[in-house]
Amino acid sequence: MMDADAQARAPHSEGGASREAAAQLGQEMRRLHKLISSRVLLNMQDELQDHDLSFTQMAALHQLRARAPLTVTALSECARLSLPAASHLVERLVRRGLAERRENPDNRREKLVVPTAQGLDIVTRMDGQFTEAYVSALSSVPAEKVRAASTAIHDLLTDLAPSQENA
C-alpha cells in the first residue's frame, strides 16, 4: 500500500498527471485567476446592471447558448434551480426579449427554450470583455511567454475535452 506522499505523486492513470503536478498547476491557475477576476467581475457587474439582469439570469443565458434548445426542466437542472424558479426565470427572459419558447417537434406538449439574438449579443459582449481582461493583464508580458502559455493551455484543453476543441 502506498503512503499519502507517494499517492500524491503517482499518476492518475497511465500517462496522466500526478496529483502533485495537478495541484501545482491549480495553485498557479488560482494566482492567475486572482489577477484577472477583479477586472472580469467589474465588467460583468457593469453588463448585469446595464441590462438589469441577475447573475442567475446571465448564467441561464450562458447555459442556453451552450446547450439550446433546452426544456425548462433541463435548464433547471443545468442552472441548479428548482423547476418553478427556472420557469419564472424563463418567463422573465422571454418578456425581456432575451429568450423565446418554441414548440418541441418531438413532443408538442413540451416547449423548448432558446436564446434570442439579443440574448446572444449580451453573452457575446461579456465574452469579449472577459477576453479583454486577459489581454489587458497580459499586455506587459513578453509575447513568447504568452504564446507558450497559450499553446500549453490549448494542449491541456485538448486532453481534457477533445470533443470541444474549438469551443
Protein backbone atom coordinates (compact mmCIF):
# COMPACT_ATOMS: atom_id res chain seq x y z
CA MET A 1 0.00 0.00 0.00
CA MET A 2 1.33 3.49 -0.93
CA ASP A 3 1.75 6.21 1.64
CA ALA A 4 -0.07 9.57 1.09
CA ASP A 5 3.01 11.35 -0.39
CA ALA A 6 3.66 8.55 -2.87
CA GLN A 7 -0.03 8.51 -3.79
CA ALA A 8 0.02 12.28 -4.38
CA ARG A 9 2.97 11.93 -6.77
CA ALA A 10 1.55 8.90 -8.55
CA PRO A 11 -0.10 9.37 -11.95
CA HIS A 12 -3.91 9.21 -12.02
CA SER A 13 -3.76 6.91 -14.98
CA GLU A 14 -1.10 5.74 -17.33
CA GLY A 15 0.50 8.87 -18.78
CA GLY A 16 -1.70 11.11 -16.59
CA ALA A 17 -0.65 13.97 -14.35
CA SER A 18 0.35 13.29 -10.79
CA ARG A 19 -1.77 14.83 -8.07
CA GLU A 20 1.24 16.93 -7.10
CA ALA A 21 1.65 18.36 -10.61
CA ALA A 22 -2.10 18.94 -10.92
CA ALA A 23 -2.16 20.67 -7.52
CA GLN A 24 0.77 22.88 -8.52
CA LEU A 25 -0.99 23.86 -11.75
CA GLY A 26 -4.16 24.50 -9.77
CA GLN A 27 -2.28 26.88 -7.47
CA GLU A 28 -0.78 28.75 -10.43
CA MET A 29 -4.19 28.99 -12.10
CA ARG A 30 -5.65 30.31 -8.84
CA ARG A 31 -2.99 33.04 -8.79
CA LEU A 32 -3.76 33.94 -12.41
CA HIS A 33 -7.49 33.96 -11.69
CA LYS A 34 -6.89 36.28 -8.75
CA LEU A 35 -5.15 38.77 -11.07
CA ILE A 36 -7.90 38.61 -13.68
CA SER A 37 -11.07 38.15 -11.65
CA SER A 38 -11.42 41.71 -10.37
CA ARG A 39 -11.41 43.03 -13.95
CA VAL A 40 -13.79 40.34 -15.13
CA LEU A 41 -16.18 40.85 -12.22
CA LEU A 42 -16.28 44.62 -12.68
CA ASN A 43 -17.10 44.20 -16.36
CA MET A 44 -19.71 41.56 -15.51
CA GLN A 45 -21.26 43.80 -12.89
CA ASP A 46 -21.50 46.65 -15.41
CA GLU A 47 -23.10 44.38 -18.00
CA LEU A 48 -25.59 42.97 -15.49
CA GLN A 49 -26.54 46.47 -14.34
CA ASP A 50 -26.75 47.84 -17.89
CA HIS A 51 -29.26 45.12 -18.79
CA ASP A 52 -30.87 44.83 -15.34
CA LEU A 53 -30.04 41.13 -15.20
CA SER A 54 -29.44 38.94 -12.18
CA PHE A 55 -26.43 36.66 -12.03
CA THR A 56 -28.80 33.68 -12.33
CA GLN A 57 -30.39 35.10 -15.48
CA MET A 58 -26.95 35.63 -17.00
CA ALA A 59 -25.90 32.10 -16.06
CA ALA A 60 -29.09 30.78 -17.71
CA LEU A 61 -28.31 32.72 -20.90
CA HIS A 62 -24.85 31.12 -20.93
CA GLN A 63 -26.43 27.67 -20.48
CA LEU A 64 -28.89 28.36 -23.28
CA ARG A 65 -26.15 29.50 -25.63
CA ALA A 66 -24.12 26.37 -24.90
CA ARG A 67 -26.93 23.80 -24.94
CA ALA A 68 -30.08 25.18 -26.55
CA PRO A 69 -32.67 24.18 -27.25
CA LEU A 70 -33.48 23.15 -23.69
CA THR A 71 -36.68 22.27 -21.91
CA VAL A 72 -37.38 24.27 -18.78
CA THR A 73 -36.69 21.08 -16.83
CA ALA A 74 -33.28 20.63 -18.47
CA LEU A 75 -32.45 24.31 -17.86
CA SER A 76 -33.46 23.94 -14.21
CA GLU A 77 -31.06 21.01 -13.88
CA CYS A 78 -28.06 22.70 -15.54
CA ALA A 79 -28.69 26.01 -13.75
CA ARG A 80 -29.29 24.18 -10.44
CA LEU A 81 -32.67 25.80 -9.92
CA SER A 82 -35.98 24.38 -8.82
CA LEU A 83 -38.42 23.82 -11.66
CA PRO A 84 -40.70 26.69 -10.52
CA ALA A 85 -37.69 29.05 -10.24
CA ALA A 86 -36.47 28.07 -13.71
CA SER A 87 -39.95 28.52 -15.15
CA HIS A 88 -40.18 32.01 -13.62
CA LEU A 89 -36.68 32.86 -14.86
CA VAL A 90 -37.57 31.75 -18.41
CA GLU A 91 -40.74 33.85 -18.28
CA ARG A 92 -38.69 36.95 -17.32
CA LEU A 93 -36.14 36.29 -20.10
CA VAL A 94 -38.94 35.81 -22.64
CA ARG A 95 -40.73 39.02 -21.56
CA ARG A 96 -37.46 40.94 -21.96
CA GLY A 97 -36.80 39.50 -25.41
CA LEU A 98 -33.68 37.58 -24.35
CA ALA A 99 -35.11 34.08 -24.86
CA GLU A 100 -38.05 32.52 -26.62
CA ARG A 101 -40.13 29.40 -26.28
CA ARG A 102 -40.61 27.10 -29.23
CA GLU A 103 -42.71 24.04 -29.72
CA ASN A 104 -40.80 20.78 -29.36
CA PRO A 105 -41.30 18.96 -32.67
CA ASP A 106 -40.82 15.61 -30.89
CA ASN A 107 -43.34 16.37 -28.13
CA ARG A 108 -45.96 19.01 -28.90
CA ARG A 109 -46.92 19.29 -25.22
CA GLU A 110 -43.42 20.44 -24.36
CA LYS A 111 -41.77 23.80 -25.04
CA LEU A 112 -38.11 24.37 -25.79
CA VAL A 113 -36.25 27.49 -24.72
CA VAL A 114 -33.64 29.18 -26.92
CA PRO A 115 -31.79 32.48 -26.58
CA THR A 116 -32.79 35.28 -28.95
CA ALA A 117 -30.29 37.30 -30.96
CA GLN A 118 -30.48 39.97 -28.25
CA GLY A 119 -29.74 37.41 -25.53
CA LEU A 120 -26.82 36.01 -27.52
CA ASP A 121 -25.50 39.53 -28.10
CA ILE A 122 -25.28 40.17 -24.35
CA VAL A 123 -23.45 36.90 -23.71
CA THR A 124 -21.09 37.53 -26.63
CA ARG A 125 -20.28 41.02 -25.32
CA MET A 126 -19.46 39.52 -21.93
CA ASP A 127 -17.16 37.01 -23.63
CA GLY A 128 -15.35 39.88 -25.31
CA GLN A 129 -14.95 41.70 -22.01
CA PHE A 130 -13.63 38.52 -20.41
CA THR A 131 -11.04 38.14 -23.16
CA GLU A 132 -10.14 41.83 -22.94
CA ALA A 133 -9.41 41.44 -19.22
CA TYR A 134 -6.77 38.84 -20.12
CA VAL A 135 -5.39 40.95 -22.98
CA SER A 136 -5.04 43.91 -20.64
CA ALA A 137 -3.41 41.88 -17.87
CA LEU A 138 -1.01 40.10 -20.23
CA SER A 139 -0.04 43.15 -22.31
CA SER A 140 3.21 43.67 -20.40
CA VAL A 141 4.30 40.02 -20.62
CA PRO A 142 6.77 39.12 -23.39
CA ALA A 143 4.98 37.75 -26.46
CA GLU A 144 6.95 34.48 -26.49
CA LYS A 145 5.76 33.68 -22.93
CA VAL A 146 2.16 34.43 -23.84
CA ARG A 147 2.42 32.22 -26.95
CA ALA A 148 3.99 29.39 -24.91
CA ALA A 149 1.25 29.67 -22.26
CA SER A 150 -1.43 29.73 -24.95
CA THR A 151 -0.02 26.59 -26.57
CA ALA A 152 0.24 24.77 -23.24
CA ILE A 153 -3.33 25.70 -22.25
CA HIS A 154 -4.64 24.69 -25.68
CA ASP A 155 -2.91 21.31 -25.30
CA LEU A 156 -4.39 20.85 -21.81
CA LEU A 157 -7.86 21.68 -23.06
CA THR A 158 -7.48 19.25 -25.94
CA ASP A 159 -6.66 16.50 -23.44
CA LEU A 160 -9.49 17.48 -21.08
CA ALA A 161 -12.22 17.95 -23.65
CA PRO A 162 -11.18 16.63 -27.07
CA SER A 163 -14.72 16.86 -28.45
CA GLN A 164 -14.88 20.57 -27.57
CA GLU A 165 -11.53 21.50 -29.09
CA ASN A 166 -12.89 24.58 -30.88
CA ALA A 167 -15.21 25.76 -28.12
